[in-house]
Amino acid sequence: MYSILVVDDEKGIREFLEITLKKEGYEVMLASNGEEAVALCQKRTFDIILVDIRMPKGNGYMVLKKVKKMCPETIIIMITAYGSLESAVEAMKEGAYDYISKPFDVNEIKALL
């Protein structure tokens, strides 16, 4: 069973992804900001991290950079409501596996995983 960390400052997004991913058989943990996500990653390893780019207390790029240093094998998928070609390129250069724009289709997430 794969472990997934969902990092988003929007409670509704976190809970929606948690319910959806648990139904698919994944182990899911949640974090509401970047600092919380990094602290969780210091305690354990996740197979996949879904992380929002724009958040208070540590944005998605900070999470991406720090987690890739700690656990380079972790797959990180960036999520944003403010998608642009530049931010997608930056995320991929930093080691993100993929980049998804909000609102996203849950089937898009399932297919990606």
N, C-alpha and C. Protein backbone atom coordinates (compact mmCIF):
# COMPACT_ATOMS: atom_id res chain seq x y z
N MET A 1 0.83 -1.17 0.00
CA MET A 1 0.00 0.00 0.00
C MET A 1 0.89 1.25 0.00
N TYR A 2 0.61 2.15 -0.90
CA TYR A 2 1.39 3.38 -0.98
C TYR A 2 0.91 4.39 0.06
N SER A 3 1.85 5.15 0.60
CA SER A 3 1.50 6.21 1.55
C SER A 3 1.55 7.55 0.82
N ILE A 4 0.52 8.35 1.04
CA ILE A 4 0.40 9.64 0.37
C ILE A 4 0.22 10.73 1.42
N LEU A 5 0.94 11.81 1.27
CA LEU A 5 0.76 13.00 2.09
C LEU A 5 0.09 14.06 1.22
N VAL A 6 -1.05 14.56 1.69
CA VAL A 6 -1.77 15.62 0.99
C VAL A 6 -1.52 16.91 1.76
N VAL A 7 -0.97 17.91 1.05
CA VAL A 7 -0.63 19.18 1.68
C VAL A 7 -1.39 20.29 0.97
N ASP A 8 -2.33 20.89 1.67
CA ASP A 8 -3.12 21.98 1.09
C ASP A 8 -3.70 22.80 2.23
N ASP A 9 -3.72 24.12 2.08
CA ASP A 9 -4.27 24.98 3.12
C ASP A 9 -5.79 25.01 3.10
N GLU A 10 -6.41 24.47 2.07
CA GLU A 10 -7.87 24.41 1.99
C GLU A 10 -8.35 23.09 2.58
N LYS A 11 -9.06 23.20 3.70
CA LYS A 11 -9.53 22.00 4.41
C LYS A 11 -10.39 21.11 3.52
N GLY A 12 -11.26 21.71 2.71
CA GLY A 12 -12.14 20.93 1.84
C GLY A 12 -11.37 20.09 0.83
N ILE A 13 -10.30 20.64 0.28
CA ILE A 13 -9.46 19.90 -0.68
C ILE A 13 -8.78 18.73 0.04
N ARG A 14 -8.22 19.00 1.22
CA ARG A 14 -7.55 17.93 1.98
C ARG A 14 -8.50 16.78 2.26
N GLU A 15 -9.69 17.12 2.77
CA GLU A 15 -10.65 16.09 3.15
C GLU A 15 -11.17 15.33 1.93
N PHE A 16 -11.43 16.04 0.85
CA PHE A 16 -11.90 15.39 -0.38
C PHE A 16 -10.86 14.39 -0.88
N LEU A 17 -9.60 14.81 -0.94
CA LEU A 17 -8.54 13.90 -1.41
C LEU A 17 -8.34 12.74 -0.43
N GLU A 18 -8.44 13.01 0.85
CA GLU A 18 -8.29 11.93 1.83
C GLU A 18 -9.34 10.85 1.62
N ILE A 19 -10.60 11.24 1.51
CA ILE A 19 -11.69 10.28 1.31
C ILE A 19 -11.50 9.52 0.00
N THR A 20 -11.22 10.25 -1.07
CA THR A 20 -11.06 9.65 -2.39
C THR A 20 -9.90 8.66 -2.42
N LEU A 21 -8.76 9.05 -1.87
CA LEU A 21 -7.57 8.20 -1.94
C LEU A 21 -7.68 7.00 -1.01
N LYS A 22 -8.30 7.17 0.14
CA LYS A 22 -8.50 6.01 1.03
C LYS A 22 -9.40 4.98 0.39
N LYS A 23 -10.41 5.43 -0.35
CA LYS A 23 -11.29 4.50 -1.07
C LYS A 23 -10.52 3.70 -2.11
N GLU A 24 -9.44 4.30 -2.63
CA GLU A 24 -8.59 3.63 -3.62
C GLU A 24 -7.56 2.71 -2.97
N GLY A 25 -7.52 2.69 -1.63
CA GLY A 25 -6.62 1.78 -0.92
C GLY A 25 -5.30 2.39 -0.47
N TYR A 26 -5.14 3.70 -0.59
CA TYR A 26 -3.90 4.36 -0.17
C TYR A 26 -3.95 4.70 1.32
N GLU A 27 -2.80 4.72 1.94
CA GLU A 27 -2.66 5.25 3.29
C GLU A 27 -2.48 6.76 3.11
N VAL A 28 -3.28 7.57 3.79
CA VAL A 28 -3.27 9.01 3.56
C VAL A 28 -3.05 9.76 4.87
N MET A 29 -2.15 10.74 4.82
CA MET A 29 -1.95 11.68 5.92
C MET A 29 -2.14 13.07 5.35
N LEU A 30 -2.46 14.02 6.24
CA LEU A 30 -2.75 15.38 5.81
C LEU A 30 -1.87 16.39 6.52
N ALA A 31 -1.57 17.48 5.80
CA ALA A 31 -0.87 18.63 6.37
C ALA A 31 -1.52 19.89 5.80
N SER A 32 -1.63 20.91 6.64
CA SER A 32 -2.32 22.13 6.21
C SER A 32 -1.38 23.22 5.72
N ASN A 33 -0.07 23.00 5.84
CA ASN A 33 0.90 23.99 5.33
C ASN A 33 2.25 23.32 5.11
N GLY A 34 3.16 24.08 4.53
CA GLY A 34 4.47 23.53 4.19
C GLY A 34 5.31 23.14 5.38
N GLU A 35 5.28 23.94 6.43
CA GLU A 35 6.07 23.62 7.62
C GLU A 35 5.62 22.30 8.24
N GLU A 36 4.32 22.11 8.31
CA GLU A 36 3.76 20.87 8.86
C GLU A 36 4.17 19.67 7.99
N ALA A 37 4.13 19.87 6.68
CA ALA A 37 4.50 18.79 5.76
C ALA A 37 5.96 18.38 5.93
N VAL A 38 6.85 19.35 6.01
CA VAL A 38 8.27 19.05 6.18
C VAL A 38 8.51 18.34 7.51
N ALA A 39 7.82 18.80 8.57
CA ALA A 39 7.97 18.15 9.87
C ALA A 39 7.53 16.69 9.81
N LEU A 40 6.42 16.41 9.12
CA LEU A 40 5.97 15.02 8.96
C LEU A 40 6.99 14.20 8.18
N CYS A 41 7.58 14.80 7.15
CA CYS A 41 8.55 14.09 6.31
C CYS A 41 9.86 13.83 7.06
N GLN A 42 10.13 14.58 8.10
CA GLN A 42 11.31 14.32 8.92
C GLN A 42 11.10 13.11 9.82
N LYS A 43 9.84 12.78 10.08
CA LYS A 43 9.51 11.66 10.96
C LYS A 43 9.29 10.35 10.22
N ARG A 44 8.86 10.46 8.96
CA ARG A 44 8.57 9.26 8.17
C ARG A 44 8.69 9.57 6.69
N THR A 45 8.74 8.52 5.90
CA THR A 45 8.85 8.66 4.44
C THR A 45 7.49 8.40 3.80
N PHE A 46 7.17 9.19 2.79
CA PHE A 46 5.95 9.01 2.01
C PHE A 46 6.34 8.59 0.60
N ASP A 47 5.51 7.78 -0.01
CA ASP A 47 5.76 7.39 -1.40
C ASP A 47 5.44 8.54 -2.34
N ILE A 48 4.35 9.24 -2.03
CA ILE A 48 3.85 10.31 -2.91
C ILE A 48 3.40 11.48 -2.04
N ILE A 49 3.69 12.68 -2.51
CA ILE A 49 3.18 13.88 -1.85
C ILE A 49 2.44 14.72 -2.89
N LEU A 50 1.19 15.05 -2.57
CA LEU A 50 0.41 15.99 -3.37
C LEU A 50 0.46 17.31 -2.62
N VAL A 51 1.05 18.33 -3.22
CA VAL A 51 1.27 19.58 -2.48
C VAL A 51 0.81 20.80 -3.27
N ASP A 52 0.03 21.63 -2.60
CA ASP A 52 -0.42 22.90 -3.17
C ASP A 52 0.78 23.84 -3.24
N ILE A 53 0.84 24.66 -4.27
CA ILE A 53 1.97 25.58 -4.41
C ILE A 53 1.83 26.78 -3.48
N ARG A 54 0.66 27.42 -3.47
CA ARG A 54 0.47 28.64 -2.67
C ARG A 54 -0.20 28.30 -1.35
N MET A 55 0.61 28.45 -0.27
CA MET A 55 0.11 28.21 1.08
C MET A 55 0.85 29.12 2.04
N PRO A 56 0.23 29.44 3.17
CA PRO A 56 0.98 30.15 4.21
C PRO A 56 1.93 29.16 4.90
N LYS A 57 2.89 29.68 5.60
CA LYS A 57 3.84 28.86 6.37
C LYS A 57 4.55 27.82 5.51
N GLY A 58 5.16 28.26 4.45
CA GLY A 58 5.94 27.36 3.61
C GLY A 58 5.18 26.91 2.38
N ASN A 59 5.53 27.46 1.25
CA ASN A 59 4.81 27.13 0.01
C ASN A 59 5.26 25.77 -0.55
N GLY A 60 4.61 25.37 -1.63
CA GLY A 60 4.89 24.07 -2.22
C GLY A 60 6.30 23.90 -2.75
N TYR A 61 6.90 25.00 -3.23
CA TYR A 61 8.28 24.91 -3.72
C TYR A 61 9.24 24.62 -2.57
N MET A 62 8.99 25.22 -1.41
CA MET A 62 9.83 24.96 -0.25
C MET A 62 9.72 23.48 0.14
N VAL A 63 8.49 22.97 0.15
CA VAL A 63 8.29 21.55 0.48
C VAL A 63 9.02 20.67 -0.53
N LEU A 64 8.86 20.98 -1.80
CA LEU A 64 9.51 20.22 -2.87
C LEU A 64 11.02 20.16 -2.66
N LYS A 65 11.64 21.31 -2.45
CA LYS A 65 13.10 21.36 -2.29
C LYS A 65 13.58 20.60 -1.06
N LYS A 66 12.92 20.82 0.07
CA LYS A 66 13.36 20.17 1.32
C LYS A 66 13.13 18.66 1.29
N VAL A 67 11.98 18.24 0.79
CA VAL A 67 11.70 16.80 0.76
C VAL A 67 12.61 16.09 -0.23
N LYS A 68 12.88 16.70 -1.36
CA LYS A 68 13.77 16.07 -2.35
C LYS A 68 15.18 15.88 -1.79
N LYS A 69 15.61 16.77 -0.89
CA LYS A 69 16.92 16.60 -0.24
C LYS A 69 16.88 15.46 0.77
N MET A 70 15.77 15.35 1.52
CA MET A 70 15.65 14.30 2.54
C MET A 70 15.35 12.94 1.93
N CYS A 71 14.43 12.92 0.96
CA CYS A 71 13.94 11.66 0.37
C CYS A 71 13.83 11.82 -1.13
N PRO A 72 14.93 11.72 -1.86
CA PRO A 72 14.89 11.96 -3.30
C PRO A 72 13.98 11.02 -4.08
N GLU A 73 13.64 9.86 -3.50
CA GLU A 73 12.79 8.90 -4.20
C GLU A 73 11.30 9.22 -4.08
N THR A 74 10.93 10.14 -3.20
CA THR A 74 9.52 10.50 -3.03
C THR A 74 9.00 11.21 -4.28
N ILE A 75 7.86 10.78 -4.74
CA ILE A 75 7.21 11.40 -5.91
C ILE A 75 6.40 12.59 -5.42
N ILE A 76 6.67 13.75 -5.98
CA ILE A 76 5.96 14.96 -5.57
C ILE A 76 5.17 15.52 -6.75
N ILE A 77 3.87 15.69 -6.51
CA ILE A 77 2.98 16.24 -7.53
C ILE A 77 2.48 17.58 -7.02
N MET A 78 2.73 18.62 -7.79
CA MET A 78 2.34 19.97 -7.43
C MET A 78 0.91 20.24 -7.88
N ILE A 79 0.15 20.94 -7.03
CA ILE A 79 -1.23 21.31 -7.34
C ILE A 79 -1.36 22.82 -7.16
N THR A 80 -2.04 23.49 -8.10
CA THR A 80 -2.22 24.92 -7.95
C THR A 80 -3.48 25.43 -8.62
N ALA A 81 -4.03 26.48 -8.03
CA ALA A 81 -5.17 27.16 -8.64
C ALA A 81 -4.67 28.31 -9.51
N TYR A 82 -3.39 28.58 -9.44
CA TYR A 82 -2.78 29.69 -10.17
C TYR A 82 -1.76 29.18 -11.17
N GLY A 83 -2.20 28.27 -12.00
CA GLY A 83 -1.29 27.61 -12.95
C GLY A 83 -0.77 28.54 -14.02
N SER A 84 0.50 28.36 -14.32
CA SER A 84 1.13 29.07 -15.43
C SER A 84 2.24 28.19 -15.97
N LEU A 85 2.62 28.45 -17.18
CA LEU A 85 3.71 27.69 -17.79
C LEU A 85 4.99 27.87 -16.99
N GLU A 86 5.25 29.09 -16.52
CA GLU A 86 6.47 29.35 -15.76
C GLU A 86 6.52 28.56 -14.47
N SER A 87 5.39 28.52 -13.73
CA SER A 87 5.41 27.78 -12.47
C SER A 87 5.51 26.28 -12.71
N ALA A 88 4.93 25.79 -13.79
CA ALA A 88 5.04 24.37 -14.12
C ALA A 88 6.48 24.01 -14.44
N VAL A 89 7.13 24.84 -15.22
CA VAL A 89 8.54 24.60 -15.58
C VAL A 89 9.41 24.64 -14.34
N GLU A 90 9.18 25.63 -13.46
CA GLU A 90 9.97 25.73 -12.24
C GLU A 90 9.80 24.48 -11.38
N ALA A 91 8.56 24.02 -11.23
CA ALA A 91 8.30 22.83 -10.42
C ALA A 91 9.02 21.61 -11.00
N MET A 92 8.96 21.44 -12.29
CA MET A 92 9.60 20.28 -12.93
C MET A 92 11.13 20.37 -12.80
N LYS A 93 11.68 21.56 -12.93
CA LYS A 93 13.13 21.73 -12.77
C LYS A 93 13.59 21.36 -11.37
N GLU A 94 12.74 21.63 -10.39
CA GLU A 94 13.08 21.34 -8.99
C GLU A 94 12.86 19.87 -8.63
N GLY A 95 12.29 19.10 -9.56
CA GLY A 95 12.15 17.67 -9.31
C GLY A 95 10.74 17.16 -9.13
N ALA A 96 9.74 18.02 -9.38
CA ALA A 96 8.35 17.55 -9.29
C ALA A 96 8.08 16.51 -10.36
N TYR A 97 7.27 15.53 -10.03
CA TYR A 97 6.91 14.48 -10.98
C TYR A 97 5.89 14.99 -11.99
N ASP A 98 4.95 15.79 -11.49
CA ASP A 98 3.91 16.34 -12.35
C ASP A 98 3.32 17.58 -11.70
N TYR A 99 2.41 18.21 -12.43
CA TYR A 99 1.84 19.49 -12.05
C TYR A 99 0.38 19.48 -12.48
N ILE A 100 -0.53 19.73 -11.53
CA ILE A 100 -1.96 19.68 -11.82
C ILE A 100 -2.59 21.02 -11.44
N SER A 101 -3.46 21.52 -12.31
CA SER A 101 -4.16 22.78 -12.03
C SER A 101 -5.52 22.50 -11.40
N LYS A 102 -5.88 23.35 -10.42
CA LYS A 102 -7.22 23.32 -9.83
C LYS A 102 -8.14 24.12 -10.73
N PRO A 103 -9.39 23.82 -10.82
CA PRO A 103 -9.99 22.61 -10.25
C PRO A 103 -9.57 21.39 -11.05
N PHE A 104 -9.29 20.32 -10.38
CA PHE A 104 -8.85 19.10 -11.06
C PHE A 104 -9.96 18.07 -11.03
N ASP A 105 -9.87 17.15 -11.93
CA ASP A 105 -10.81 16.03 -12.00
C ASP A 105 -10.20 14.90 -11.17
N VAL A 106 -10.98 14.34 -10.27
CA VAL A 106 -10.47 13.27 -9.42
C VAL A 106 -9.94 12.11 -10.23
N ASN A 107 -10.52 11.86 -11.40
CA ASN A 107 -10.02 10.78 -12.26
C ASN A 107 -8.62 11.09 -12.78
N GLU A 108 -8.31 12.38 -12.95
CA GLU A 108 -6.96 12.78 -13.36
C GLU A 108 -5.95 12.41 -12.26
N ILE A 109 -6.31 12.65 -11.01
CA ILE A 109 -5.44 12.28 -9.90
C ILE A 109 -5.29 10.76 -9.81
N LYS A 110 -6.40 10.04 -9.92
CA LYS A 110 -6.35 8.58 -9.84
C LYS A 110 -5.48 8.00 -10.95
N ALA A 111 -5.62 8.52 -12.16
CA ALA A 111 -4.83 8.02 -13.30
C ALA A 111 -3.35 8.31 -13.08
N LEU A 112 -3.05 9.47 -12.55
CA LEU A 112 -1.67 9.86 -12.32
C LEU A 112 -1.01 8.97 -11.27
N LEU A 113 -1.77 8.65 -10.23
CA LEU A 113 -1.23 7.80 -9.17
C LEU A 113 -1.08 6.36 -9.64
